[in-house]
C-alpha atoms as a PDB file:
ATOM      1  CA  MET A   1      63.798  -8.319 198.191  1.00  0.00           C
ATOM      2  CA  GLY A   2      61.220  -5.720 199.223  1.00  0.00           C
ATOM      3  CA  LEU A   3      61.142  -2.009 198.502  1.00  0.00           C
ATOM      4  CA  THR A   4      62.575   0.629 200.781  1.00  0.00           C
ATOM      5  CA  TYR A   5      60.087   3.228 201.969  1.00  0.00           C
ATOM      6  CA  LEU A   6      61.643   5.954 199.823  1.00  0.00           C
ATOM      7  CA  GLU A   7      61.449   3.663 196.795  1.00  0.00           C
ATOM      8  CA  SER A   8      57.729   3.203 197.438  1.00  0.00           C
ATOM      9  CA  VAL A   9      57.260   6.986 197.581  1.00  0.00           C
ATOM     10  CA  VAL A  10      59.273   7.475 194.390  1.00  0.00           C
ATOM     11  CA  LEU A  11      57.439   4.706 192.525  1.00  0.00           C
ATOM     12  CA  SER A  12      54.064   6.101 193.639  1.00  0.00           C
ATOM     13  CA  ILE A  13      55.000   9.514 192.237  1.00  0.00           C
ATOM     14  CA  LEU A  14      56.395   8.026 189.023  1.00  0.00           C
ATOM     15  CA  LYS A  15      53.151   6.137 188.553  1.00  0.00           C
ATOM     16  CA  ARG A  16      51.217   9.411 188.679  1.00  0.00           C
ATOM     17  CA  ILE A  17      53.620  11.177 186.302  1.00  0.00           C
ATOM     18  CA  ASN A  18      53.382   8.211 183.898  1.00  0.00           C
ATOM     19  CA  GLY A  19      56.502   9.003 181.893  1.00  0.00           C
ATOM     20  CA  GLU A  20      55.391  12.555 181.074  1.00  0.00           C
ATOM     21  CA  ARG A  21      58.131  14.256 183.077  1.00  0.00           C
ATOM     22  CA  THR A  22      61.748  13.385 183.847  1.00  0.00           C
ATOM     23  CA  ILE A  23      62.876  12.013 187.188  1.00  0.00           C
ATOM     24  CA  TYR A  24      64.233  15.481 187.968  1.00  0.00           C
ATOM     25  CA  ALA A  25      60.684  16.832 188.133  1.00  0.00           C
ATOM     26  CA  LEU A  26      60.204  14.322 190.950  1.00  0.00           C
ATOM     27  CA  LEU A  27      63.457  15.496 192.576  1.00  0.00           C
ATOM     28  CA  HIS A  28      62.325  19.125 192.500  1.00  0.00           C
ATOM     29  CA  LEU A  29      58.954  18.149 193.941  1.00  0.00           C
ATOM     30  CA  LEU A  30      60.461  16.357 196.942  1.00  0.00           C
ATOM     31  CA  GLN A  31      63.001  19.139 197.464  1.00  0.00           C
ATOM     32  CA  GLY A  32      60.235  21.762 197.345  1.00  0.00           C
ATOM     33  CA  LYS A  33      61.674  23.815 194.502  1.00  0.00           C
ATOM     34  CA  ARG A  34      59.490  26.895 194.241  1.00  0.00           C
ATOM     35  CA  SER A  35      59.559  27.220 190.473  1.00  0.00           C
ATOM     36  CA  SER A  36      56.429  27.737 188.410  1.00  0.00           C
ATOM     37  CA  GLN A  37      56.990  24.413 186.621  1.00  0.00           C
ATOM     38  CA  THR A  38      57.333  22.380 189.818  1.00  0.00           C
ATOM     39  CA  ILE A  39      54.311  24.033 191.409  1.00  0.00           C
ATOM     40  CA  GLN A  40      52.253  23.413 188.262  1.00  0.00           C
ATOM     41  CA  ASP A  41      53.328  19.766 188.105  1.00  0.00           C
ATOM     42  CA  ALA A  42      52.491  19.252 191.786  1.00  0.00           C
ATOM     43  CA  HIS A  43      48.922  20.376 191.157  1.00  0.00           C
ATOM     44  CA  LEU A  44      48.498  18.908 187.690  1.00  0.00           C
ATOM     45  CA  TYR A  45      49.507  15.406 188.780  1.00  0.00           C
ATOM     46  CA  LYS A  46      47.856  15.724 192.215  1.00  0.00           C
ATOM     47  CA  LEU A  47      51.186  15.359 193.986  1.00  0.00           C
ATOM     48  CA  THR A  48      50.837  18.325 196.356  1.00  0.00           C
ATOM     49  CA  PRO A  49      51.023  16.076 199.478  1.00  0.00           C
ATOM     50  CA  TYR A  50      54.667  15.295 198.641  1.00  0.00           C
ATOM     51  CA  PHE A  51      55.818  18.842 197.899  1.00  0.00           C
ATOM     52  CA  SER A  52      58.931  19.686 199.964  1.00  0.00           C
ATOM     53  CA  THR A  53      58.554  16.552 202.109  1.00  0.00           C
ATOM     54  CA  TYR A  54      62.112  15.312 201.547  1.00  0.00           C
ATOM     55  CA  PRO A  55      64.275  18.393 200.865  1.00  0.00           C
ATOM     56  CA  THR A  56      67.545  16.583 201.666  1.00  0.00           C
ATOM     57  CA  VAL A  57      67.215  14.044 198.857  1.00  0.00           C
ATOM     58  CA  SER A  58      70.059  14.527 196.378  1.00  0.00           C
ATOM     59  CA  ARG A  59      70.272  14.209 192.624  1.00  0.00           C
ATOM     60  CA  SER A  60      72.920  11.487 192.892  1.00  0.00           C
ATOM     61  CA  ARG A  61      70.830   9.476 195.342  1.00  0.00           C
ATOM     62  CA  LEU A  62      67.810   9.605 193.053  1.00  0.00           C
ATOM     63  CA  GLU A  63      69.874   8.639 190.006  1.00  0.00           C
ATOM     64  CA  LYS A  64      71.391   5.673 191.862  1.00  0.00           C
ATOM     65  CA  MET A  65      67.908   4.609 192.948  1.00  0.00           C
ATOM     66  CA  MET A  66      66.690   4.773 189.327  1.00  0.00           C
ATOM     67  CA  GLU A  67      69.576   2.564 188.213  1.00  0.00           C
ATOM     68  CA  SER A  68      68.749   0.064 190.950  1.00  0.00           C
ATOM     69  CA  LEU A  69      65.045   0.067 190.031  1.00  0.00           C
ATOM     70  CA  LYS A  70      65.913  -0.440 186.357  1.00  0.00           C
ATOM     71  CA  ARG A  71      68.240  -3.349 187.169  1.00  0.00           C
ATOM     72  CA  GLY A  72      65.493  -4.883 189.273  1.00  0.00           C
ATOM     73  CA  GLY A  73      63.065  -4.652 186.378  1.00  0.00           C
ATOM     74  CA  LEU A  74      60.719  -2.317 188.257  1.00  0.00           C
ATOM     75  CA  VAL A  75      60.982   0.622 185.848  1.00  0.00           C
ATOM     76  CA  GLU A  76      61.992   1.032 182.219  1.00  0.00           C
ATOM     77  CA  GLU A  77      63.441   4.123 180.567  1.00  0.00           C
ATOM     78  CA  ILE A  78      61.318   5.331 177.661  1.00  0.00           C
ATOM     79  CA  ALA A  79      63.319   8.489 176.937  1.00  0.00           C
ATOM     80  CA  GLU A  80      66.270  10.232 178.530  1.00  0.00           C
ATOM     81  CA  GLY A  81      65.359  10.765 182.186  1.00  0.00           C
ATOM     82  CA  LYS A  82      61.799   9.510 181.676  1.00  0.00           C
ATOM     83  CA  VAL A  83      60.704   6.169 183.109  1.00  0.00           C
ATOM     84  CA  LEU A  84      57.584   4.048 183.383  1.00  0.00           C
ATOM     85  CA  LEU A  85      56.735   1.392 185.946  1.00  0.00           C
ATOM     86  CA  THR A  86      56.853  -2.130 184.547  1.00  0.00           C
ATOM     87  CA  SER A  87      54.180  -4.683 185.432  1.00  0.00           C
ATOM     88  CA  ARG A  88      56.664  -6.094 187.943  1.00  0.00           C
ATOM     89  CA  GLY A  89      57.138  -2.627 189.404  1.00  0.00           C
ATOM     90  CA  GLU A  90      53.368  -2.086 189.636  1.00  0.00           C
ATOM     91  CA  GLU A  91      52.936  -5.380 191.484  1.00  0.00           C
ATOM     92  CA  LYS A  92      55.847  -4.751 193.859  1.00  0.00           C
ATOM     93  CA  LEU A  93      54.437  -1.338 194.699  1.00  0.00           C
ATOM     94  CA  ARG A  94      50.938  -2.730 195.227  1.00  0.00           C
ATOM     95  CA  LEU A  95      52.202  -5.373 197.653  1.00  0.00           C
ATOM     96  CA  HIS A  96      54.348  -2.855 199.539  1.00  0.00           C
ATOM     97  CA  LEU A  97      51.510  -0.332 199.903  1.00  0.00           C
ATOM     98  CA  ALA A  98      49.165  -3.064 201.123  1.00  0.00           C
ATOM     99  CA  LYS A  99      51.526  -3.648 204.054  1.00  0.00           C
ATOM    100  CA  CYS A 100      52.854  -0.123 204.418  1.00  0.00           C
ATOM    101  CA  PRO A 101      50.424   2.487 203.068  1.00  0.00           C
ATOM    102  CA  LEU A 102      51.474   6.041 202.316  1.00  0.00           C
ATOM    103  CA  PRO A 103      50.634   8.722 204.922  1.00  0.00           C
ATOM    104  CA  GLU A 104      46.973   9.686 204.951  1.00  0.00           C
ATOM    105  CA  PHE A 105      47.261  13.259 206.217  1.00  0.00           C
ATOM    106  CA  LEU A 106      50.469  14.367 204.501  1.00  0.00           C
ATOM    107  CA  ASN A 107      50.117  17.828 202.948  1.00  0.00           C
ATOM    108  CA  GLY A 108      53.524  19.191 202.075  1.00  0.00           C
ATOM    109  CA  TRP A 109      52.218  21.928 199.784  1.00  0.00           C
ATOM    110  CA  LYS A 110      49.943  23.418 202.420  1.00  0.00           C
ATOM    111  CA  TYR A 111      52.246  23.054 205.414  1.00  0.00           C
ATOM    112  CA  HIS A 112      55.848  23.023 204.167  1.00  0.00           C
ATOM    113  CA  GLN A 113      56.465  26.594 205.298  1.00  0.00           C
ATOM    114  CA  VAL A 114      55.129  26.193 208.831  1.00  0.00           C
ATOM    115  CA  THR A 115      56.274  22.691 209.806  1.00  0.00           C
ATOM    116  CA  GLU A 116      59.847  23.503 210.832  1.00  0.00           C
ATOM    117  CA  SER A 117      59.075  26.689 212.753  1.00  0.00           C
ATOM    118  CA  PHE A 118      56.130  25.044 214.553  1.00  0.00           C
ATOM    119  CA  TRP A 119      58.240  22.064 215.622  1.00  0.00           C
ATOM    120  CA  GLU A 120      61.078  24.274 216.871  1.00  0.00           C
ATOM    121  CA  ARG A 121      58.691  26.398 218.913  1.00  0.00           C
ATOM    122  CA  LEU A 122      56.732  23.455 220.262  1.00  0.00           C
ATOM    123  CA  THR A 123      59.767  21.495 221.407  1.00  0.00           C
ATOM    124  CA  LEU A 124      61.244  24.527 223.145  1.00  0.00           C
ATOM    125  CA  LEU A 125      57.920  25.470 224.761  1.00  0.00           C
ATOM    126  CA  VAL A 126      57.447  21.930 226.086  1.00  0.00           C
ATOM    127  CA  GLN A 127      60.967  21.946 227.523  1.00  0.00           C
ATOM    128  CA  VAL A 128      60.595  25.368 229.144  1.00  0.00           C
ATOM    129  CA  SER A 129      57.147  24.567 230.573  1.00  0.00           C
ATOM    130  CA  SER A 130      58.315  21.245 231.971  1.00  0.00           C
ATOM    131  CA  ASN A 131      61.327  22.810 233.699  1.00  0.00           C
ATOM    132  CA  LEU A 132      59.295  25.765 234.961  1.00  0.00           C
ATOM    133  CA  ILE A 133      56.865  23.595 236.910  1.00  0.00           C
ATOM    134  CA  HIS A 134      59.819  21.763 238.458  1.00  0.00           C
ATOM    135  CA  GLN A 135      61.439  25.131 239.251  1.00  0.00           C
ATOM    136  CA  GLU A 136      64.520  24.095 237.311  1.00  0.00           C
ATOM    137  CA  ARG A 137      66.426  27.006 235.780  1.00  0.00           C
ATOM    138  CA  SER A 138      69.706  25.300 234.968  1.00  0.00           C
ATOM    139  CA  TYR A 139      69.288  23.440 231.673  1.00  0.00           C
ATOM    140  CA  ILE A 140      70.482  23.728 228.100  1.00  0.00           C
ATOM    141  CA  PRO A 141      67.710  24.831 225.702  1.00  0.00           C
ATOM    142  CA  ILE A 142      66.863  22.224 223.099  1.00  0.00           C
ATOM    143  CA  ARG A 143      66.952  25.020 220.496  1.00  0.00           C
ATOM    144  CA  ASN A 144      69.825  27.431 220.072  1.00  0.00           C
ATOM    145  CA  LYS A 145      68.423  29.612 217.299  1.00  0.00           C
ATOM    146  CA  GLN A 146      68.074  33.104 218.800  1.00  0.00           C
ATOM    147  CA  GLU A 147      64.943  33.822 216.794  1.00  0.00           C
ATOM    148  CA  THR A 148      63.175  30.775 218.274  1.00  0.00           C
ATOM    149  CA  LEU A 149      64.410  31.484 221.807  1.00  0.00           C
ATOM    150  CA  SER A 150      63.179  35.088 221.672  1.00  0.00           C
ATOM    151  CA  TRP A 151      59.870  34.090 220.106  1.00  0.00           C
ATOM    152  CA  VAL A 152      59.043  31.474 222.760  1.00  0.00           C
ATOM    153  CA  LYS A 153      60.116  33.804 225.590  1.00  0.00           C
ATOM    154  CA  GLN A 154      57.763  36.494 224.293  1.00  0.00           C
ATOM    155  CA  PHE A 155      54.996  33.947 223.702  1.00  0.00           C
ATOM    156  CA  ILE A 156      55.149  32.747 227.329  1.00  0.00           C
ATOM    157  CA  LYS A 157      54.986  36.341 228.599  1.00  0.00           C
ATOM    158  CA  GLN A 158      51.768  36.874 226.650  1.00  0.00           C
ATOM    159  CA  GLN A 159      49.993  33.908 228.272  1.00  0.00           C
ATOM    160  CA  SER A 160      47.615  34.397 231.175  1.00  0.00           C
ATOM    161  CA  GLY A 161      47.831  32.288 234.331  1.00  0.00           C
ATOM    162  CA  ASP A 162      50.810  30.827 236.150  1.00  0.00           C
ATOM    163  CA  ARG A 163      53.384  28.336 234.885  1.00  0.00           C
ATOM    164  CA  TYR A 164      51.356  25.356 236.107  1.00  0.00           C
ATOM    165  CA  THR A 165      48.312  26.509 234.159  1.00  0.00           C
ATOM    166  CA  LEU A 166      50.426  26.980 231.025  1.00  0.00           C
ATOM    167  CA  ALA A 167      51.933  23.491 231.297  1.00  0.00           C
ATOM    168  CA  GLU A 168      48.544  21.890 231.932  1.00  0.00           C
ATOM    169  CA  ARG A 169      46.910  23.677 229.001  1.00  0.00           C
ATOM    170  CA  LEU A 170      49.753  22.712 226.688  1.00  0.00           C
ATOM    171  CA  TYR A 171      49.551  19.066 227.787  1.00  0.00           C
ATOM    172  CA  GLU A 172      45.778  18.927 227.257  1.00  0.00           C
ATOM    173  CA  GLU A 173      45.977  20.553 223.837  1.00  0.00           C
ATOM    174  CA  LEU A 174      48.710  18.160 222.702  1.00  0.00           C
ATOM    175  CA  ILE A 175      46.798  15.098 223.885  1.00  0.00           C
ATOM    176  CA  SER A 176      43.665  16.265 222.096  1.00  0.00           C
ATOM    177  CA  ALA A 177      45.451  17.318 218.892  1.00  0.00           C
ATOM    178  CA  LEU A 178      47.198  13.948 218.581  1.00  0.00           C
ATOM    179  CA  GLU A 179      44.143  11.859 219.360  1.00  0.00           C
ATOM    180  CA  ASN A 180      43.410   9.681 216.355  1.00  0.00           C
ATOM    181  CA  SER A 181      43.848   5.979 215.731  1.00  0.00           C
ATOM    182  CA  ALA A 182      45.025   6.642 212.172  1.00  0.00           C
ATOM    183  CA  ILE A 183      48.285   8.270 213.308  1.00  0.00           C
ATOM    184  CA  LYS A 184      51.101   7.282 215.663  1.00  0.00           C
ATOM    185  CA  PRO A 185      51.347   9.966 218.404  1.00  0.00           C
ATOM    186  CA  GLU A 186      54.302   8.199 220.017  1.00  0.00           C
ATOM    187  CA  LEU A 187      56.432   9.237 217.041  1.00  0.00           C
ATOM    188  CA  VAL A 188      56.033  12.828 218.189  1.00  0.00           C
ATOM    189  CA  ILE A 189      56.097  12.244 221.948  1.00  0.00           C
ATOM    190  CA  ILE A 190      59.459  10.464 222.009  1.00  0.00           C
ATOM    191  CA  ARG A 191      61.063  13.483 220.327  1.00  0.00           C
ATOM    192  CA  LEU A 192      60.002  15.915 223.073  1.00  0.00           C
ATOM    193  CA  THR A 193      62.459  17.116 225.730  1.00  0.00           C
ATOM    194  CA  GLY A 194      61.316  17.878 229.277  1.00  0.00           C
ATOM    195  CA  PHE A 195      62.528  17.994 232.874  1.00  0.00           C
ATOM    196  CA  LYS A 196      65.451  15.554 233.114  1.00  0.00           C
ATOM    197  CA  LYS A 197      64.332  13.942 229.848  1.00  0.00           C
ATOM    198  CA  ILE A 198      66.058  14.383 226.499  1.00  0.00           C
ATOM    199  CA  GLY A 199      63.992  13.843 223.374  1.00  0.00           C
ATOM    200  CA  LEU A 200      65.321  11.474 220.745  1.00  0.00           C
ATOM    201  CA  THR A 201      66.782  12.535 217.424  1.00  0.00           C
ATOM    202  CA  LEU A 202      65.166  11.329 214.208  1.00  0.00           C
ATOM    203  CA  SER A 203      67.703   8.517 213.801  1.00  0.00           C
ATOM    204  CA  GLN A 204      67.403   7.491 217.473  1.00  0.00           C
ATOM    205  CA  ALA A 205      63.600   7.562 217.294  1.00  0.00           C
ATOM    206  CA  SER A 206      63.448   5.524 214.086  1.00  0.00           C
ATOM    207  CA  GLU A 207      65.801   2.939 215.576  1.00  0.00           C
ATOM    208  CA  GLN A 208      63.782   2.683 218.791  1.00  0.00           C
ATOM    209  CA  ILE A 209      60.479   2.395 216.919  1.00  0.00           C
ATOM    210  CA  GLY A 210      61.974  -0.066 214.437  1.00  0.00           C
ATOM    211  CA  MET A 211      61.321   1.940 211.270  1.00  0.00           C
ATOM    212  CA  GLU A 212      63.496   2.958 208.371  1.00  0.00           C
ATOM    213  CA  PRO A 213      64.555   6.601 208.960  1.00  0.00           C
ATOM    214  CA  THR A 214      62.715   7.713 205.801  1.00  0.00           C
ATOM    215  CA  HIS A 215      59.568   5.866 206.865  1.00  0.00           C
ATOM    216  CA  TYR A 216      59.763   7.453 210.300  1.00  0.00           C
ATOM    217  CA  HIS A 217      60.276  10.886 208.718  1.00  0.00           C
ATOM    218  CA  TYR A 218      57.095  10.570 206.654  1.00  0.00           C
ATOM    219  CA  GLU A 219      55.012   9.181 209.510  1.00  0.00           C
ATOM    220  CA  PHE A 220      56.276  12.005 211.739  1.00  0.00           C
ATOM    221  CA  LEU A 221      55.240  14.582 209.130  1.00  0.00           C
ATOM    222  CA  ASN A 222      51.903  12.801 208.857  1.00  0.00           C
ATOM    223  CA  CYS A 223      51.332  13.315 212.606  1.00  0.00           C
ATOM    224  CA  LEU A 224      52.229  17.003 212.458  1.00  0.00           C
ATOM    225  CA  HIS A 225      50.075  17.665 209.403  1.00  0.00           C
ATOM    226  CA  PHE A 226      47.168  15.871 211.060  1.00  0.00           C
ATOM    227  CA  MET A 227      47.656  18.157 214.059  1.00  0.00           C
ATOM    228  CA  PHE A 228      47.668  21.219 211.827  1.00  0.00           C
ATOM    229  CA  ASN A 229      44.387  20.145 210.225  1.00  0.00           C
ATOM    230  CA  LYS A 230      42.811  19.759 213.647  1.00  0.00           C
ATOM    231  CA  ILE A 231      44.202  23.017 215.019  1.00  0.00           C
ATOM    232  CA  LEU A 232      43.189  25.110 212.016  1.00  0.00           C
ATOM    233  CA  ASP A 233      39.762  23.488 211.887  1.00  0.00           C
ATOM    234  CA  VAL A 234      38.918  24.631 215.449  1.00  0.00           C
ATOM    235  CA  PRO A 235      41.613  27.144 216.488  1.00  0.00           C
ATOM    236  CA  SER A 236      39.615  28.244 219.546  1.00  0.00           C
ATOM    237  CA  ALA A 237      40.063  24.734 220.991  1.00  0.00           C
ATOM    238  CA  TYR A 238      43.860  24.970 220.645  1.00  0.00           C
ATOM    239  CA  PRO A 239      44.865  28.536 221.537  1.00  0.00           C
ATOM    240  CA  LEU A 240      48.447  27.622 222.463  1.00  0.00           C
ATOM    241  CA  LEU A 241      49.138  25.338 219.499  1.00  0.00           C
ATOM    242  CA  ASP A 242      47.350  27.734 217.160  1.00  0.00           C
ATOM    243  CA  GLY A 243      49.615  30.487 218.453  1.00  0.00           C
ATOM    244  CA  LEU A 244      52.693  28.459 217.516  1.00  0.00           C
ATOM    245  CA  LEU A 245      51.677  28.391 213.867  1.00  0.00           C
ATOM    246  CA  ASN A 246      53.118  31.376 212.064  1.00  0.00           C
ATOM    247  CA  LYS A 247      50.095  33.319 210.823  1.00  0.00           C
ATOM    248  CA  ALA A 248      51.985  34.956 207.959  1.00  0.00           C
ATOM    249  CA  GLU A 249      53.217  31.581 206.690  1.00  0.00           C
ATOM    250  CA  ARG A 250      49.844  29.821 206.708  1.00  0.00           C
ATOM    251  CA  LEU A 251      48.885  31.076 203.291  1.00  0.00           C
ATOM    252  CA  GLU A 252      50.052  29.268 200.179  1.00  0.00           C
ATOM    253  CA  PRO A 253      52.321  32.013 198.834  1.00  0.00           C
ATOM    254  CA  LEU A 254      53.230  32.619 195.251  1.00  0.00           C
ATOM    255  CA  THR A 255      56.856  32.567 194.230  1.00  0.00           C
ATOM    256  CA  LEU A 256      58.401  36.013 194.649  1.00  0.00           C
ATOM    257  CA  SER A 257      58.536  36.677 190.920  1.00  0.00           C
ATOM    258  CA  ALA A 258      54.929  35.535 190.346  1.00  0.00           C
ATOM    259  CA  LYS A 259      53.839  37.762 193.228  1.00  0.00           C
ATOM    260  CA  LYS A 260      55.335  40.803 191.467  1.00  0.00           C
ATOM    261  CA  THR A 261      53.540  39.845 188.273  1.00  0.00           C
ATOM    262  CA  TYR A 262      50.268  39.396 190.158  1.00  0.00           C
ATOM    263  CA  LYS A 263      50.496  42.887 191.648  1.00  0.00           C
ATOM    264  CA  LEU A 264      50.917  44.398 188.190  1.00  0.00           C
ATOM    265  CA  LEU A 265      48.017  42.362 186.789  1.00  0.00           C
ATOM    266  CA  GLN A 266      45.843  43.624 189.652  1.00  0.00           C
ATOM    267  CA  LEU A 267      46.755  47.165 188.622  1.00  0.00           C
ATOM    268  CA  GLY A 268      45.349  46.470 185.165  1.00  0.00           C
ATOM    269  CA  TYR A 269      48.519  45.684 183.226  1.00  0.00           C
ATOM    270  CA  SER A 270      48.217  43.169 180.396  1.00  0.00           C
ATOM    271  CA  ALA A 271      50.564  40.184 180.169  1.00  0.00           C
ATOM    272  CA  ASP A 272      52.518  41.932 177.380  1.00  0.00           C
ATOM    273  CA  GLU A 273      52.849  45.079 179.457  1.00  0.00           C
ATOM    274  CA  VAL A 274      54.020  43.110 182.492  1.00  0.00           C
ATOM    275  CA  ALA A 275      56.680  41.397 180.363  1.00  0.00           C
ATOM    276  CA  ALA A 276      57.891  44.794 179.104  1.00  0.00           C
ATOM    277  CA  VAL A 277      57.878  46.458 182.530  1.00  0.00           C
ATOM    278  CA  ARG A 278      59.670  43.553 184.178  1.00  0.00           C
ATOM    279  CA  ASN A 279      61.964  42.902 181.214  1.00  0.00           C
ATOM    280  CA  LEU A 280      61.002  39.221 181.202  1.00  0.00           C
ATOM    281  CA  LYS A 281      60.053  36.831 178.409  1.00  0.00           C
ATOM    282  CA  GLN A 282      56.391  36.409 177.552  1.00  0.00           C
ATOM    283  CA  GLY A 283      56.657  32.711 178.435  1.00  0.00           C
ATOM    284  CA  THR A 284      57.855  33.567 181.936  1.00  0.00           C
ATOM    285  CA  ILE A 285      54.856  35.835 182.524  1.00  0.00           C
ATOM    286  CA  GLU A 286      52.575  33.091 181.215  1.00  0.00           C
ATOM    287  CA  ASP A 287      54.154  30.690 183.719  1.00  0.00           C
ATOM    288  CA  HIS A 288      53.364  33.208 186.460  1.00  0.00           C
ATOM    289  CA  ILE A 289      49.740  33.522 185.343  1.00  0.00           C
ATOM    290  CA  VAL A 290      49.345  29.731 185.418  1.00  0.00           C
ATOM    291  CA  GLU A 291      50.859  29.677 188.921  1.00  0.00           C
ATOM    292  CA  ILE A 292      48.479  32.457 190.027  1.00  0.00           C
ATOM    293  CA  ALA A 293      45.494  30.495 188.709  1.00  0.00           C
ATOM    294  CA  LEU A 294      46.657  27.431 190.659  1.00  0.00           C
ATOM    295  CA  ILE A 295      46.999  29.260 193.964  1.00  0.00           C
ATOM    296  CA  LYS A 296      44.551  32.138 193.852  1.00  0.00           C
ATOM    297  CA  THR A 297      41.145  30.475 193.533  1.00  0.00           C
ATOM    298  CA  GLU A 298      39.472  33.842 192.961  1.00  0.00           C
ATOM    299  CA  PHE A 299      41.631  34.596 189.898  1.00  0.00           C
ATOM    300  CA  ASP A 300      39.415  34.965 186.817  1.00  0.00           C
ATOM    301  CA  ILE A 301      40.891  33.464 183.637  1.00  0.00           C
ATOM    302  CA  ASP A 302      38.092  34.582 181.284  1.00  0.00           C
ATOM    303  CA  TYR A 303      40.250  37.519 180.162  1.00  0.00           C
ATOM    304  CA  TYR A 304      42.890  35.075 178.901  1.00  0.00           C
ATOM    305  CA  VAL A 305      40.695  32.221 177.638  1.00  0.00           C
ATOM    306  CA  PRO A 306      37.137  32.717 176.350  1.00  0.00           C
ATOM    307  CA  ALA A 307      34.534  30.662 178.229  1.00  0.00           C
ATOM    308  CA  SER A 308      33.597  28.657 175.118  1.00  0.00           C
ATOM    309  CA  LYS A 309      37.224  27.656 174.564  1.00  0.00           C
ATOM    310  CA  GLN A 310      37.569  26.720 178.257  1.00  0.00           C
ATOM    311  CA  GLU A 311      34.666  24.302 177.824  1.00  0.00           C
ATOM    312  CA  ARG A 312      36.283  22.660 174.793  1.00  0.00           C
ATOM    313  CA  ILE A 313      39.624  22.330 176.589  1.00  0.00           C
ATOM    314  CA  LEU A 314      37.949  20.735 179.590  1.00  0.00           C
ATOM    315  CA  LEU A 315      36.060  18.345 177.318  1.00  0.00           C
ATOM    316  CA  ALA A 316      39.341  17.325 175.685  1.00  0.00           C
ATOM    317  CA  ALA A 317      40.875  16.841 179.146  1.00  0.00           C
ATOM    318  CA  GLN A 318      37.991  14.554 180.031  1.00  0.00           C
ATOM    319  CA  GLN A 319      38.280  12.513 176.858  1.00  0.00           C
ATOM    320  CA  ILE A 320      42.039  11.948 176.953  1.00  0.00           C
ATOM    321  CA  SER A 321      44.665  12.706 179.584  1.00  0.00           C
ATOM    322  CA  ALA A 322      44.662  16.116 181.250  1.00  0.00           C
ATOM    323  CA  LYS A 323      48.464  15.941 181.229  1.00  0.00           C
ATOM    324  CA  LYS A 324      49.059  15.150 177.549  1.00  0.00           C
ATOM    325  CA  LEU A 325      49.063  18.723 176.325  1.00  0.00           C
ATOM    326  CA  LYS A 326      50.079  17.853 172.764  1.00  0.00           C
ATOM    327  CA  GLN A 327      47.068  15.555 172.290  1.00  0.00           C
ATOM    328  CA  MET A 328      44.788  18.191 173.749  1.00  0.00           C
ATOM    329  CA  LYS A 329      46.201  20.797 171.358  1.00  0.00           C
ATOM    330  CA  GLU A 330      45.430  18.449 168.456  1.00  0.00           C
ATOM    331  CA  ARG A 331      41.792  18.364 169.595  1.00  0.00           C
ATOM    332  CA  VAL A 332      41.478  22.076 170.359  1.00  0.00           C
ATOM    333  CA  THR A 333      43.576  23.411 167.480  1.00  0.00           C
ATOM    334  CA  ASP A 334      42.824  27.092 168.114  1.00  0.00           C
ATOM    335  CA  ALA A 335      44.052  26.891 171.726  1.00  0.00           C
ATOM    336  CA  SER A 336      47.627  27.748 172.664  1.00  0.00           C
ATOM    337  CA  TYR A 337      49.619  25.647 175.115  1.00  0.00           C
ATOM    338  CA  PHE A 338      49.371  28.557 177.537  1.00  0.00           C
ATOM    339  CA  GLU A 339      45.562  28.549 177.321  1.00  0.00           C
ATOM    340  CA  ILE A 340      45.430  24.778 177.878  1.00  0.00           C
ATOM    341  CA  ARG A 341      47.766  24.949 180.877  1.00  0.00           C
ATOM    342  CA  LEU A 342      45.815  27.857 182.324  1.00  0.00           C
ATOM    343  CA  VAL A 343      42.463  26.072 182.090  1.00  0.00           C
ATOM    344  CA  LEU A 344      43.944  22.933 183.641  1.00  0.00           C
ATOM    345  CA  ALA A 345      45.452  25.057 186.405  1.00  0.00           C
ATOM    346  CA  LYS A 346      42.094  26.640 187.144  1.00  0.00           C
ATOM    347  CA  TYR A 347      39.991  23.491 186.940  1.00  0.00           C
ATOM    348  CA  GLY A 348      42.546  20.703 187.245  1.00  0.00           C
ATOM    349  CA  ASP A 349      41.150  19.408 190.549  1.00  0.00           C
ATOM    350  CA  ILE A 350      37.927  18.312 188.884  1.00  0.00           C
ATOM    351  CA  GLU A 351      37.481  14.534 189.161  1.00  0.00           C
ATOM    352  CA  TRP A 352      36.048  13.065 185.971  1.00  0.00           C
ATOM    353  CA  ASN A 353      33.564  10.195 186.115  1.00  0.00           C
END
């Protein structure tokens, strides 16, 4: 019996984690938990594409899946909550991915905060534009959230030209933004509602296409994230679609608590002083600093880790596994776990030969 699509995603992530985190780290990743630990793991294990890509997955569902995978001999438990792929699991995954590869353009970390609002605005704008050119005023909006309705109404008012021009521009931008043989534009198109046409729900669309709902969900996200790449690469070519992307949400924001810590650090406070002012543990502030180093590329870590020690930590990361902190500490005995994590956060995207 073959793997389900979600099982292939889970096994792919477990393979990257390699038994160094529990299955609940994977759960938090898919759910998009904005904790310092989850954000660090996403970057450390190069799992940012999957961040917040399946927020509805439950703890019980994941645990049941793990039991099924263990019974099937695809994973083995090496410690409580920690599993490794067996050789059988590796082979099953390889065969599945050969037939059904993972999405190429998925980028949950970069786009998780704009995907939902963009899709709500786009679907409503398409519906309104389509009905406008047919002079149809009596229809039920596909979106009932007042915030979205008000936003799209204001957006249309700001556009130059008549309703026909707006509809034509939107059509042309969509066609161009979805043009690529590596994605499946029809997965997006069949969800759109227009004049006397109701878009399909996710379950209806997956059934019509002949995909598992989870597979459809990921391919759909893949299409949207591909669009975002294209739009943000040349925003002047997609003025309408670019306008639908919330400017304030495009950045990769820090967690609220880390943001407060960052503001104090920028004012010249030391980590100890921040901990005292905020009445937080030193370890919590250190977590924030690691998160800041991950997200703010301009953040200088020399104040926290001398350059010579950074070099030795990076050398140790090259020689062993960048994720096995204990082994790295044994090689760089004068480095703290915080210093090791911070250096990996700053330079963790380096690909070693």
